[in-house]
Amino acid sequence: MPETTRQSRYAEFSRYVNERGPALLRMAQSLTNNPSDAEDLLQAALVKTFFAWDRITNPNARDGYVRRAMVNTQISEWRRRRLDIYPTNDIPEQRIDDPTWKSDLHDVVHRAVERLPERQRTTLILRYYQDMSEAQIAERLGVTIGTVKSTISRAVARLRRDADLIIERATT
């Protein structure tokens, strides 16, 4: 194969991937459970497509070829994974996540912040909830940056000593 044909084939394939990559990735994501598996699936399908690039004579059939390669690759992966699960009479212990822990933690943190003195609470909220810089907080409250830093430091230290938060950290 002449060098110019190989380069033009590579350039044509690269253009195709750049143009159609996002749409093909969405297709891959519909076949998998997470984005990283979708990227792997698309990559495997594109490798198969690149090796068959010269055989795909109709440019309109390229998407179909890549999609078919993704589906076949994913089916093979499901079959491989299915072999990893063996039937048994013993049901293994499974940890069940309790989604209420997030709201419980939110409540505990909210109550601990509410117990702070007003200046510490305001400074802490502006810094960590409103994501303001120390200079912005100092300007807004009419104090120096050093005052903001020391107030935040005292507020965080007080939260670290808060009994409810200590218990919450110990139970999670």
N, C-alpha and C. Protein backbone atom coordinates (compact mmCIF):
# COMPACT_ATOMS: atom_id res chain seq x y z
N MET A 1 0.85 -1.19 0.00
CA MET A 1 0.00 0.00 0.00
C MET A 1 0.89 1.24 0.00
N PRO A 2 0.71 2.14 -0.93
CA PRO A 2 1.52 3.36 -0.98
C PRO A 2 1.31 4.21 0.28
N GLU A 3 2.36 4.94 0.60
CA GLU A 3 2.36 5.78 1.80
C GLU A 3 1.26 6.85 1.76
N THR A 4 1.01 7.44 0.59
CA THR A 4 -0.01 8.49 0.49
C THR A 4 -1.40 7.94 0.71
N THR A 5 -1.65 6.71 0.27
CA THR A 5 -2.97 6.10 0.49
C THR A 5 -3.19 5.85 1.97
N ARG A 6 -2.14 5.37 2.65
CA ARG A 6 -2.25 5.11 4.08
C ARG A 6 -2.49 6.40 4.85
N GLN A 7 -1.77 7.47 4.47
CA GLN A 7 -1.96 8.76 5.14
C GLN A 7 -3.34 9.33 4.87
N SER A 8 -3.82 9.22 3.64
CA SER A 8 -5.13 9.76 3.35
C SER A 8 -6.22 8.95 4.05
N ARG A 9 -6.03 7.64 4.15
CA ARG A 9 -6.97 6.79 4.88
C ARG A 9 -7.01 7.17 6.35
N TYR A 10 -5.82 7.38 6.92
CA TYR A 10 -5.74 7.79 8.32
C TYR A 10 -6.37 9.16 8.53
N ALA A 11 -6.10 10.09 7.62
CA ALA A 11 -6.67 11.45 7.74
C ALA A 11 -8.19 11.40 7.61
N GLU A 12 -8.68 10.58 6.67
CA GLU A 12 -10.12 10.46 6.48
C GLU A 12 -10.78 9.86 7.73
N PHE A 13 -10.16 8.84 8.29
CA PHE A 13 -10.70 8.22 9.51
C PHE A 13 -10.67 9.20 10.68
N SER A 14 -9.57 9.95 10.79
CA SER A 14 -9.46 10.95 11.87
C SER A 14 -10.54 12.01 11.76
N ARG A 15 -10.80 12.46 10.54
CA ARG A 15 -11.88 13.45 10.34
C ARG A 15 -13.23 12.86 10.75
N TYR A 16 -13.45 11.63 10.35
CA TYR A 16 -14.71 10.96 10.71
C TYR A 16 -14.87 10.88 12.22
N VAL A 17 -13.82 10.47 12.93
CA VAL A 17 -13.90 10.35 14.40
C VAL A 17 -14.12 11.71 15.03
N ASN A 18 -13.45 12.74 14.53
CA ASN A 18 -13.63 14.08 15.08
C ASN A 18 -15.06 14.59 14.88
N GLU A 19 -15.63 14.30 13.71
CA GLU A 19 -16.98 14.78 13.42
C GLU A 19 -18.05 13.97 14.14
N ARG A 20 -17.92 12.67 14.15
CA ARG A 20 -18.98 11.79 14.64
C ARG A 20 -18.73 11.27 16.05
N GLY A 21 -17.57 11.56 16.62
CA GLY A 21 -17.20 11.03 17.93
C GLY A 21 -18.23 11.29 19.03
N PRO A 22 -18.70 12.52 19.21
CA PRO A 22 -19.67 12.78 20.28
C PRO A 22 -20.97 11.98 20.14
N ALA A 23 -21.47 11.88 18.91
CA ALA A 23 -22.71 11.12 18.70
C ALA A 23 -22.48 9.64 18.97
N LEU A 24 -21.32 9.13 18.53
CA LEU A 24 -21.01 7.72 18.76
C LEU A 24 -20.81 7.44 20.24
N LEU A 25 -20.23 8.40 20.96
CA LEU A 25 -20.04 8.23 22.41
C LEU A 25 -21.39 8.17 23.12
N ARG A 26 -22.35 8.97 22.69
CA ARG A 26 -23.69 8.90 23.28
C ARG A 26 -24.31 7.53 23.05
N MET A 27 -24.09 6.98 21.88
CA MET A 27 -24.59 5.63 21.59
C MET A 27 -23.93 4.62 22.53
N ALA A 28 -22.63 4.75 22.71
CA ALA A 28 -21.90 3.83 23.59
C ALA A 28 -22.40 3.97 25.03
N GLN A 29 -22.70 5.19 25.46
CA GLN A 29 -23.20 5.39 26.82
C GLN A 29 -24.56 4.76 27.01
N SER A 30 -25.34 4.66 25.95
CA SER A 30 -26.64 4.02 26.09
C SER A 30 -26.50 2.50 26.24
N LEU A 31 -25.36 1.96 25.86
CA LEU A 31 -25.12 0.52 25.98
C LEU A 31 -24.43 0.13 27.28
N THR A 32 -23.81 1.06 27.95
CA THR A 32 -23.02 0.74 29.15
C THR A 32 -23.59 1.44 30.38
N ASN A 33 -23.00 1.12 31.52
CA ASN A 33 -23.49 1.68 32.78
C ASN A 33 -22.74 2.93 33.21
N ASN A 34 -21.55 3.15 32.68
CA ASN A 34 -20.81 4.33 33.12
C ASN A 34 -19.99 4.91 31.98
N PRO A 35 -19.58 6.16 32.10
CA PRO A 35 -18.88 6.85 31.02
C PRO A 35 -17.54 6.21 30.64
N SER A 36 -16.80 5.70 31.60
CA SER A 36 -15.50 5.12 31.26
C SER A 36 -15.67 3.84 30.45
N ASP A 37 -16.68 3.03 30.78
CA ASP A 37 -16.95 1.84 29.97
C ASP A 37 -17.41 2.23 28.57
N ALA A 38 -18.16 3.32 28.47
CA ALA A 38 -18.61 3.79 27.16
C ALA A 38 -17.42 4.21 26.30
N GLU A 39 -16.46 4.91 26.91
CA GLU A 39 -15.27 5.32 26.16
C GLU A 39 -14.48 4.10 25.70
N ASP A 40 -14.34 3.10 26.57
CA ASP A 40 -13.63 1.87 26.20
C ASP A 40 -14.36 1.15 25.06
N LEU A 41 -15.67 1.08 25.16
CA LEU A 41 -16.46 0.42 24.12
C LEU A 41 -16.31 1.13 22.77
N LEU A 42 -16.40 2.44 22.78
CA LEU A 42 -16.24 3.21 21.55
C LEU A 42 -14.84 3.02 20.98
N GLN A 43 -13.85 3.05 21.84
CA GLN A 43 -12.47 2.87 21.39
C GLN A 43 -12.30 1.51 20.71
N ALA A 44 -12.83 0.45 21.30
CA ALA A 44 -12.72 -0.89 20.72
C ALA A 44 -13.44 -0.94 19.37
N ALA A 45 -14.60 -0.33 19.29
CA ALA A 45 -15.35 -0.33 18.03
C ALA A 45 -14.63 0.48 16.96
N LEU A 46 -14.00 1.58 17.34
CA LEU A 46 -13.27 2.38 16.36
C LEU A 46 -12.04 1.65 15.85
N VAL A 47 -11.38 0.88 16.70
CA VAL A 47 -10.25 0.08 16.24
C VAL A 47 -10.71 -0.93 15.20
N LYS A 48 -11.81 -1.62 15.49
CA LYS A 48 -12.36 -2.58 14.52
C LYS A 48 -12.75 -1.88 13.22
N THR A 49 -13.32 -0.70 13.35
CA THR A 49 -13.74 0.05 12.16
C THR A 49 -12.53 0.50 11.35
N PHE A 50 -11.48 0.92 12.01
CA PHE A 50 -10.28 1.37 11.29
C PHE A 50 -9.71 0.24 10.44
N PHE A 51 -9.67 -0.98 10.99
CA PHE A 51 -9.13 -2.10 10.23
C PHE A 51 -10.02 -2.45 9.03
N ALA A 52 -11.29 -2.12 9.10
CA ALA A 52 -12.22 -2.41 8.00
C ALA A 52 -12.51 -1.18 7.14
N TRP A 53 -11.81 -0.09 7.38
CA TRP A 53 -12.13 1.19 6.75
C TRP A 53 -12.17 1.09 5.22
N ASP A 54 -11.23 0.35 4.63
CA ASP A 54 -11.19 0.25 3.17
C ASP A 54 -12.37 -0.54 2.61
N ARG A 55 -12.93 -1.42 3.41
CA ARG A 55 -14.05 -2.23 2.94
C ARG A 55 -15.39 -1.50 3.02
N ILE A 56 -15.45 -0.43 3.79
CA ILE A 56 -16.70 0.34 3.91
C ILE A 56 -16.70 1.35 2.77
N THR A 57 -17.33 0.98 1.70
CA THR A 57 -17.29 1.82 0.49
C THR A 57 -18.29 2.97 0.55
N ASN A 58 -19.40 2.78 1.20
CA ASN A 58 -20.42 3.81 1.28
C ASN A 58 -20.18 4.66 2.53
N PRO A 59 -19.87 5.96 2.40
CA PRO A 59 -19.64 6.81 3.57
C PRO A 59 -20.85 6.87 4.52
N ASN A 60 -22.06 6.67 4.00
CA ASN A 60 -23.25 6.70 4.84
C ASN A 60 -23.38 5.45 5.72
N ALA A 61 -22.63 4.41 5.39
CA ALA A 61 -22.71 3.16 6.15
C ALA A 61 -21.73 3.12 7.31
N ARG A 62 -20.89 4.14 7.46
CA ARG A 62 -19.85 4.12 8.50
C ARG A 62 -20.44 4.13 9.90
N ASP A 63 -21.42 4.99 10.14
CA ASP A 63 -22.05 5.03 11.47
C ASP A 63 -22.66 3.68 11.82
N GLY A 64 -23.32 3.09 10.84
CA GLY A 64 -23.93 1.79 11.07
C GLY A 64 -22.89 0.73 11.40
N TYR A 65 -21.76 0.79 10.73
CA TYR A 65 -20.70 -0.18 11.00
C TYR A 65 -20.17 -0.02 12.42
N VAL A 66 -19.92 1.24 12.82
CA VAL A 66 -19.40 1.49 14.17
C VAL A 66 -20.43 1.07 15.22
N ARG A 67 -21.69 1.40 14.99
CA ARG A 67 -22.74 1.02 15.95
C ARG A 67 -22.84 -0.50 16.07
N ARG A 68 -22.78 -1.20 14.93
CA ARG A 68 -22.85 -2.66 14.95
C ARG A 68 -21.64 -3.24 15.70
N ALA A 69 -20.47 -2.64 15.49
CA ALA A 69 -19.26 -3.08 16.19
C ALA A 69 -19.41 -2.85 17.70
N MET A 70 -20.01 -1.72 18.09
CA MET A 70 -20.23 -1.46 19.52
C MET A 70 -21.19 -2.47 20.12
N VAL A 71 -22.28 -2.74 19.43
CA VAL A 71 -23.26 -3.68 19.95
C VAL A 71 -22.65 -5.07 20.08
N ASN A 72 -21.94 -5.52 19.05
CA ASN A 72 -21.32 -6.84 19.11
C ASN A 72 -20.28 -6.93 20.22
N THR A 73 -19.48 -5.88 20.37
CA THR A 73 -18.46 -5.86 21.43
C THR A 73 -19.12 -5.88 22.81
N GLN A 74 -20.19 -5.12 22.97
CA GLN A 74 -20.87 -5.08 24.27
C GLN A 74 -21.54 -6.42 24.58
N ILE A 75 -22.12 -7.05 23.58
CA ILE A 75 -22.73 -8.37 23.80
C ILE A 75 -21.66 -9.37 24.23
N SER A 76 -20.51 -9.33 23.58
CA SER A 76 -19.41 -10.22 23.97
C SER A 76 -18.98 -9.95 25.40
N GLU A 77 -18.95 -8.69 25.79
CA GLU A 77 -18.57 -8.34 27.17
C GLU A 77 -19.60 -8.87 28.16
N TRP A 78 -20.88 -8.75 27.84
CA TRP A 78 -21.93 -9.27 28.72
C TRP A 78 -21.79 -10.78 28.88
N ARG A 79 -21.50 -11.45 27.78
CA ARG A 79 -21.32 -12.91 27.84
C ARG A 79 -20.12 -13.28 28.69
N ARG A 80 -19.04 -12.55 28.54
CA ARG A 80 -17.84 -12.81 29.36
C ARG A 80 -18.15 -12.58 30.84
N ARG A 81 -18.85 -11.50 31.13
CA ARG A 81 -19.18 -11.18 32.52
C ARG A 81 -20.13 -12.21 33.13
N ARG A 82 -21.04 -12.71 32.32
CA ARG A 82 -22.01 -13.66 32.82
C ARG A 82 -21.32 -14.93 33.32
N LEU A 83 -20.18 -15.27 32.76
CA LEU A 83 -19.45 -16.46 33.18
C LEU A 83 -18.80 -16.28 34.55
N ASP A 84 -18.67 -15.05 35.00
CA ASP A 84 -18.07 -14.79 36.30
C ASP A 84 -19.04 -15.05 37.45
N ILE A 85 -20.31 -15.21 37.17
CA ILE A 85 -21.32 -15.40 38.20
C ILE A 85 -21.78 -16.86 38.16
N TYR A 86 -21.59 -17.52 39.29
CA TYR A 86 -21.97 -18.92 39.37
C TYR A 86 -23.10 -19.10 40.37
N PRO A 87 -24.06 -19.93 40.06
CA PRO A 87 -25.16 -20.15 41.00
C PRO A 87 -24.68 -20.89 42.24
N THR A 88 -25.30 -20.56 43.37
CA THR A 88 -24.94 -21.19 44.63
C THR A 88 -26.17 -21.20 45.54
N ASN A 89 -26.15 -22.08 46.51
CA ASN A 89 -27.24 -22.13 47.47
C ASN A 89 -27.09 -21.09 48.57
N ASP A 90 -25.86 -20.63 48.78
CA ASP A 90 -25.59 -19.64 49.82
C ASP A 90 -25.70 -18.24 49.24
N ILE A 91 -26.51 -17.43 49.86
CA ILE A 91 -26.64 -16.04 49.42
C ILE A 91 -25.58 -15.23 50.17
N PRO A 92 -24.69 -14.54 49.45
CA PRO A 92 -23.64 -13.78 50.13
C PRO A 92 -24.21 -12.54 50.82
N GLU A 93 -23.52 -12.14 51.85
CA GLU A 93 -23.91 -10.92 52.56
C GLU A 93 -23.65 -9.73 51.64
N GLN A 94 -24.63 -8.87 51.54
CA GLN A 94 -24.49 -7.69 50.70
C GLN A 94 -24.76 -6.45 51.53
N ARG A 95 -23.87 -5.50 51.40
CA ARG A 95 -24.04 -4.25 52.10
C ARG A 95 -25.09 -3.43 51.36
N ILE A 96 -26.05 -2.95 52.09
CA ILE A 96 -27.11 -2.13 51.50
C ILE A 96 -26.88 -0.70 51.95
N ASP A 97 -26.70 0.18 50.98
CA ASP A 97 -26.47 1.58 51.30
C ASP A 97 -27.77 2.22 51.76
N ASP A 98 -27.66 2.99 52.82
CA ASP A 98 -28.80 3.71 53.35
C ASP A 98 -28.73 5.15 52.84
N PRO A 99 -29.61 5.55 51.94
CA PRO A 99 -29.53 6.90 51.37
C PRO A 99 -29.88 8.00 52.37
N THR A 100 -30.41 7.65 53.51
CA THR A 100 -30.80 8.69 54.47
C THR A 100 -29.60 9.28 55.20
N TRP A 101 -28.42 8.62 55.12
CA TRP A 101 -27.26 9.15 55.85
C TRP A 101 -26.87 10.54 55.36
N LYS A 102 -27.09 10.83 54.07
CA LYS A 102 -26.74 12.15 53.55
C LYS A 102 -27.62 13.24 54.17
N SER A 103 -28.92 12.97 54.26
CA SER A 103 -29.79 13.98 54.86
C SER A 103 -29.54 14.09 56.36
N ASP A 104 -29.21 12.96 57.01
CA ASP A 104 -28.87 13.02 58.43
C ASP A 104 -27.61 13.84 58.65
N LEU A 105 -26.61 13.62 57.82
CA LEU A 105 -25.36 14.38 57.93
C LEU A 105 -25.63 15.86 57.68
N HIS A 106 -26.45 16.16 56.66
CA HIS A 106 -26.79 17.55 56.36
C HIS A 106 -27.44 18.20 57.58
N ASP A 107 -28.35 17.51 58.23
CA ASP A 107 -29.02 18.06 59.42
C ASP A 107 -28.04 18.31 60.55
N VAL A 108 -27.14 17.36 60.78
CA VAL A 108 -26.17 17.50 61.87
C VAL A 108 -25.25 18.68 61.61
N VAL A 109 -24.76 18.81 60.38
CA VAL A 109 -23.87 19.92 60.04
C VAL A 109 -24.63 21.25 60.14
N HIS A 110 -25.87 21.27 59.66
CA HIS A 110 -26.67 22.50 59.72
C HIS A 110 -26.86 22.95 61.18
N ARG A 111 -27.20 22.01 62.04
CA ARG A 111 -27.39 22.37 63.46
C ARG A 111 -26.07 22.84 64.09
N ALA A 112 -24.96 22.20 63.73
CA ALA A 112 -23.67 22.61 64.28
C ALA A 112 -23.29 24.01 63.81
N VAL A 113 -23.56 24.32 62.56
CA VAL A 113 -23.26 25.66 62.04
C VAL A 113 -24.18 26.68 62.70
N GLU A 114 -25.42 26.33 62.93
CA GLU A 114 -26.36 27.25 63.59
C GLU A 114 -25.93 27.56 65.02
N ARG A 115 -25.22 26.65 65.66
CA ARG A 115 -24.76 26.88 67.04
C ARG A 115 -23.55 27.81 67.11
N LEU A 116 -22.92 28.09 65.99
CA LEU A 116 -21.77 28.99 65.99
C LEU A 116 -22.22 30.42 66.29
N PRO A 117 -21.34 31.26 66.87
CA PRO A 117 -21.68 32.68 67.01
C PRO A 117 -21.94 33.29 65.63
N GLU A 118 -22.72 34.33 65.59
CA GLU A 118 -23.19 34.87 64.31
C GLU A 118 -22.05 35.26 63.38
N ARG A 119 -21.01 35.90 63.90
CA ARG A 119 -19.91 36.34 63.04
C ARG A 119 -19.18 35.13 62.42
N GLN A 120 -18.93 34.10 63.26
CA GLN A 120 -18.27 32.90 62.74
C GLN A 120 -19.16 32.21 61.71
N ARG A 121 -20.44 32.12 62.01
CA ARG A 121 -21.38 31.46 61.11
C ARG A 121 -21.43 32.20 59.77
N THR A 122 -21.55 33.53 59.81
CA THR A 122 -21.62 34.32 58.59
C THR A 122 -20.35 34.17 57.77
N THR A 123 -19.20 34.27 58.42
CA THR A 123 -17.93 34.14 57.72
C THR A 123 -17.78 32.76 57.10
N LEU A 124 -18.14 31.73 57.84
CA LEU A 124 -18.05 30.35 57.36
C LEU A 124 -18.97 30.13 56.15
N ILE A 125 -20.18 30.64 56.23
CA ILE A 125 -21.13 30.47 55.13
C ILE A 125 -20.65 31.20 53.88
N LEU A 126 -20.16 32.42 54.07
CA LEU A 126 -19.66 33.16 52.91
C LEU A 126 -18.46 32.46 52.27
N ARG A 127 -17.59 31.87 53.10
CA ARG A 127 -16.38 31.23 52.57
C ARG A 127 -16.68 29.89 51.91
N TYR A 128 -17.41 29.03 52.58
CA TYR A 128 -17.56 27.65 52.09
C TYR A 128 -18.86 27.38 51.35
N TYR A 129 -19.91 28.11 51.64
CA TYR A 129 -21.16 27.88 50.93
C TYR A 129 -21.33 28.84 49.75
N GLN A 130 -20.92 30.10 49.95
CA GLN A 130 -21.01 31.08 48.87
C GLN A 130 -19.72 31.12 48.03
N ASP A 131 -18.67 30.42 48.47
CA ASP A 131 -17.40 30.29 47.76
C ASP A 131 -16.77 31.65 47.49
N MET A 132 -16.85 32.54 48.47
CA MET A 132 -16.22 33.85 48.32
C MET A 132 -14.79 33.78 48.81
N SER A 133 -13.94 34.62 48.26
CA SER A 133 -12.54 34.67 48.71
C SER A 133 -12.47 35.43 50.03
N GLU A 134 -11.33 35.29 50.69
CA GLU A 134 -11.17 35.99 51.98
C GLU A 134 -11.23 37.50 51.79
N ALA A 135 -10.69 37.98 50.67
CA ALA A 135 -10.73 39.43 50.40
C ALA A 135 -12.17 39.90 50.17
N GLN A 136 -12.96 39.11 49.46
CA GLN A 136 -14.36 39.48 49.23
C GLN A 136 -15.14 39.50 50.54
N ILE A 137 -14.87 38.53 51.40
CA ILE A 137 -15.56 38.49 52.70
C ILE A 137 -15.18 39.70 53.53
N ALA A 138 -13.88 40.00 53.55
CA ALA A 138 -13.40 41.15 54.33
C ALA A 138 -14.06 42.44 53.86
N GLU A 139 -14.17 42.59 52.57
CA GLU A 139 -14.81 43.79 52.02
C GLU A 139 -16.29 43.83 52.38
N ARG A 140 -16.95 42.69 52.27
CA ARG A 140 -18.39 42.64 52.54
C ARG A 140 -18.70 42.91 54.01
N LEU A 141 -17.86 42.36 54.91
CA LEU A 141 -18.12 42.52 56.34
C LEU A 141 -17.45 43.77 56.92
N GLY A 142 -16.60 44.41 56.14
CA GLY A 142 -15.93 45.61 56.63
C GLY A 142 -14.85 45.32 57.66
N VAL A 143 -14.13 44.21 57.50
CA VAL A 143 -13.05 43.83 58.41
C VAL A 143 -11.80 43.55 57.58
N THR A 144 -10.69 43.28 58.28
CA THR A 144 -9.45 42.97 57.56
C THR A 144 -9.43 41.49 57.16
N ILE A 145 -8.55 41.19 56.22
CA ILE A 145 -8.40 39.80 55.76
C ILE A 145 -7.92 38.92 56.91
N GLY A 146 -7.05 39.46 57.76
CA GLY A 146 -6.57 38.70 58.92
C GLY A 146 -7.70 38.32 59.86
N THR A 147 -8.65 39.22 60.04
CA THR A 147 -9.82 38.93 60.88
C THR A 147 -10.66 37.82 60.26
N VAL A 148 -10.81 37.86 58.96
CA VAL A 148 -11.57 36.81 58.27
C VAL A 148 -10.88 35.47 58.46
N LYS A 149 -9.57 35.42 58.28
CA LYS A 149 -8.82 34.17 58.42
C LYS A 149 -8.93 33.61 59.83
N SER A 150 -8.76 34.47 60.82
CA SER A 150 -8.82 33.98 62.21
C SER A 150 -10.24 33.56 62.58
N THR A 151 -11.24 34.27 62.08
CA THR A 151 -12.63 33.90 62.36
C THR A 151 -12.97 32.54 61.75
N ILE A 152 -12.55 32.32 60.52
CA ILE A 152 -12.78 31.02 59.87
C ILE A 152 -12.03 29.92 60.61
N SER A 153 -10.82 30.20 61.01
CA SER A 153 -10.03 29.21 61.74
C SER A 153 -10.72 28.82 63.05
N ARG A 154 -11.21 29.81 63.78
CA ARG A 154 -11.90 29.51 65.04
C ARG A 154 -13.21 28.76 64.80
N ALA A 155 -13.93 29.13 63.75
CA ALA A 155 -15.20 28.46 63.45
C ALA A 155 -14.96 26.99 63.09
N VAL A 156 -13.96 26.73 62.27
CA VAL A 156 -13.66 25.34 61.87
C VAL A 156 -13.18 24.54 63.08
N ALA A 157 -12.36 25.15 63.92
CA ALA A 157 -11.90 24.46 65.13
C ALA A 157 -13.07 24.13 66.05
N ARG A 158 -14.00 25.05 66.15
CA ARG A 158 -15.17 24.82 66.98
C ARG A 158 -16.05 23.69 66.41
N LEU A 159 -16.18 23.64 65.09
CA LEU A 159 -16.94 22.56 64.47
C LEU A 159 -16.26 21.21 64.68
N ARG A 160 -14.92 21.21 64.66
CA ARG A 160 -14.20 19.95 64.90
C ARG A 160 -14.42 19.43 66.31
N ARG A 161 -14.68 20.34 67.24
CA ARG A 161 -14.91 19.92 68.63
C ARG A 161 -16.38 19.67 68.92
N ASP A 162 -17.27 19.97 67.99
CA ASP A 162 -18.71 19.81 68.20
C ASP A 162 -19.03 18.34 68.45
N ALA A 163 -19.72 18.06 69.54
CA ALA A 163 -19.99 16.68 69.96
C ALA A 163 -20.84 15.91 68.94
N ASP A 164 -21.84 16.58 68.38
CA ASP A 164 -22.69 15.89 67.40
C ASP A 164 -21.91 15.49 66.15
N LEU A 165 -21.00 16.38 65.71
CA LEU A 165 -20.21 16.05 64.53
C LEU A 165 -19.19 14.97 64.82
N ILE A 166 -18.66 14.94 66.04
CA ILE A 166 -17.73 13.89 66.43
C ILE A 166 -18.44 12.55 66.39
N ILE A 167 -19.65 12.49 66.93
CA ILE A 167 -20.42 11.25 66.93
C ILE A 167 -20.75 10.86 65.48
N GLU A 168 -21.11 11.81 64.65
CA GLU A 168 -21.46 11.51 63.25
C GLU A 168 -20.24 10.97 62.50
N ARG A 169 -19.06 11.57 62.75
CA ARG A 169 -17.85 11.07 62.08
C ARG A 169 -17.51 9.66 62.55
N ALA A 170 -17.77 9.37 63.81
CA ALA A 170 -17.45 8.05 64.36
C ALA A 170 -18.39 6.98 63.82
N THR A 171 -19.62 7.34 63.48
CA THR A 171 -20.58 6.34 63.02
C THR A 171 -20.57 6.14 61.51
N THR A 172 -19.90 7.03 60.76
CA THR A 172 -19.87 6.85 59.30
C THR A 172 -18.56 6.27 58.85
